[in-house]
């Protein structure tokens, strides 16, 4: 057996980073992250957010789907709130927790 580590042996955060790196090998024009930090440790969250911001800063179209409001507020230039499969509200980068939560339930 070689000294290479199997992906399954990595932490959740490092596994997620491998998935992102493999996706980027395809040279996509748009990348969609669905719950990108669910189940990863706090340190990995910051690294994943940095990767996502770096991709957006480099001009890639990035869509982040997350049920974790602080994550959306940390990453989004624009927030769309969906309910029952439809967009019910749109906010810019400075929307408050209360505005977003209100739109999600009313």
Protein backbone atom coordinates (compact mmCIF):
# COMPACT_ATOMS: atom_id res chain seq x y z
CA UNK A 1 0.00 0.00 0.00
CA UNK A 2 1.27 3.47 -0.88
CA UNK A 3 1.53 6.43 1.48
CA UNK A 4 -1.44 8.13 -0.22
CA UNK A 5 -4.43 8.85 1.96
CA UNK A 6 -7.83 7.74 0.73
CA UNK A 7 -10.44 10.51 0.54
CA UNK A 8 -12.75 8.53 2.83
CA UNK A 9 -10.08 8.76 5.55
CA UNK A 10 -10.08 12.58 5.50
CA UNK A 11 -12.13 14.82 7.77
CA UNK A 12 -15.49 16.04 6.49
CA UNK A 13 -14.06 19.46 5.69
CA UNK A 14 -11.15 18.02 3.74
CA UNK A 15 -13.48 15.65 1.90
CA UNK A 16 -15.59 18.65 0.90
CA UNK A 17 -12.49 20.50 -0.35
CA UNK A 18 -11.57 17.48 -2.49
CA UNK A 19 -15.07 17.45 -4.01
CA UNK A 20 -14.76 21.16 -4.82
CA UNK A 21 -11.30 20.70 -6.36
CA UNK A 22 -12.52 17.78 -8.50
CA UNK A 23 -15.46 19.86 -9.70
CA UNK A 24 -13.15 22.71 -10.69
CA UNK A 25 -11.11 20.36 -12.90
CA UNK A 26 -14.07 20.45 -15.29
CA UNK A 27 -13.48 24.22 -15.75
CA UNK A 28 -17.13 25.14 -15.13
CA UNK A 29 -18.60 28.54 -15.93
CA UNK A 30 -21.13 28.19 -13.09
CA UNK A 31 -20.69 26.26 -9.87
CA UNK A 32 -23.53 25.42 -7.50
CA UNK A 33 -22.82 24.73 -3.85
CA UNK A 34 -25.66 22.96 -2.02
CA UNK A 35 -25.13 23.16 1.76
CA UNK A 36 -21.35 23.45 1.24
CA UNK A 37 -20.42 23.44 4.92
CA UNK A 38 -22.98 21.09 6.44
CA UNK A 39 -21.23 18.65 8.74
CA UNK A 40 -17.76 20.21 8.58
CA UNK A 41 -15.76 21.69 11.44
CA UNK A 42 -15.53 25.43 12.09
CA UNK A 43 -12.00 25.74 10.71
CA UNK A 44 -12.99 24.10 7.44
CA UNK A 45 -16.00 26.41 7.13
CA UNK A 46 -13.73 29.45 6.93
CA UNK A 47 -11.54 27.74 4.33
CA UNK A 48 -14.52 26.68 2.21
CA UNK A 49 -16.00 30.19 2.40
CA UNK A 50 -12.63 31.59 1.31
CA UNK A 51 -12.58 29.21 -1.67
CA UNK A 52 -16.11 30.20 -2.66
CA UNK A 53 -15.32 33.92 -2.38
CA UNK A 54 -12.14 33.40 -4.40
CA UNK A 55 -14.07 31.73 -7.21
CA UNK A 56 -16.59 34.58 -7.28
CA UNK A 57 -13.80 37.17 -7.18
CA UNK A 58 -12.20 35.42 -10.16
CA UNK A 59 -15.39 35.96 -12.15
CA UNK A 60 -17.05 32.57 -11.83
CA UNK A 61 -20.81 32.50 -11.40
CA UNK A 62 -21.39 30.97 -7.96
CA UNK A 63 -24.73 29.83 -6.56
CA UNK A 64 -24.87 28.87 -2.89
CA UNK A 65 -27.88 27.02 -1.52
CA UNK A 66 -27.89 26.96 2.26
CA UNK A 67 -30.36 26.75 5.09
CA UNK A 68 -27.78 28.37 7.39
CA UNK A 69 -28.54 32.10 7.31
CA UNK A 70 -25.12 33.29 8.60
CA UNK A 71 -23.49 31.40 5.73
CA UNK A 72 -25.70 33.09 3.15
CA UNK A 73 -25.03 36.51 4.66
CA UNK A 74 -21.28 35.86 4.67
CA UNK A 75 -21.19 34.82 1.01
CA UNK A 76 -24.04 36.39 -0.92
CA UNK A 77 -24.08 39.52 -3.03
CA UNK A 78 -27.73 38.76 -3.69
CA UNK A 79 -30.09 36.56 -1.69
CA UNK A 80 -33.17 34.92 -3.14
CA UNK A 81 -35.67 33.47 -0.68
CA UNK A 82 -37.63 30.49 -1.96
CA UNK A 83 -40.79 29.02 -0.52
CA UNK A 84 -42.78 26.15 -2.03
CA UNK A 85 -40.50 26.09 -5.06
CA UNK A 86 -40.92 29.78 -5.93
CA UNK A 87 -38.77 32.86 -5.41
CA UNK A 88 -40.72 35.03 -2.97
CA UNK A 89 -38.14 37.73 -2.18
CA UNK A 90 -34.83 39.15 -3.34
CA UNK A 91 -32.34 41.07 -1.22
CA UNK A 92 -29.02 42.82 -1.75
CA UNK A 93 -25.89 42.18 0.28
CA UNK A 94 -27.02 44.07 3.39
CA UNK A 95 -30.35 42.42 4.17
CA UNK A 96 -31.04 41.83 7.84
CA UNK A 97 -31.77 38.50 9.47
CA UNK A 98 -35.27 39.72 10.24
CA UNK A 99 -36.03 40.68 6.62
CA UNK A 100 -34.86 37.36 5.27
CA UNK A 101 -36.61 35.31 7.94
CA UNK A 102 -39.85 37.26 7.48
CA UNK A 103 -39.77 36.61 3.74
CA UNK A 104 -39.15 32.91 4.32
CA UNK A 105 -42.32 32.43 6.39
CA UNK A 106 -44.79 35.04 5.07
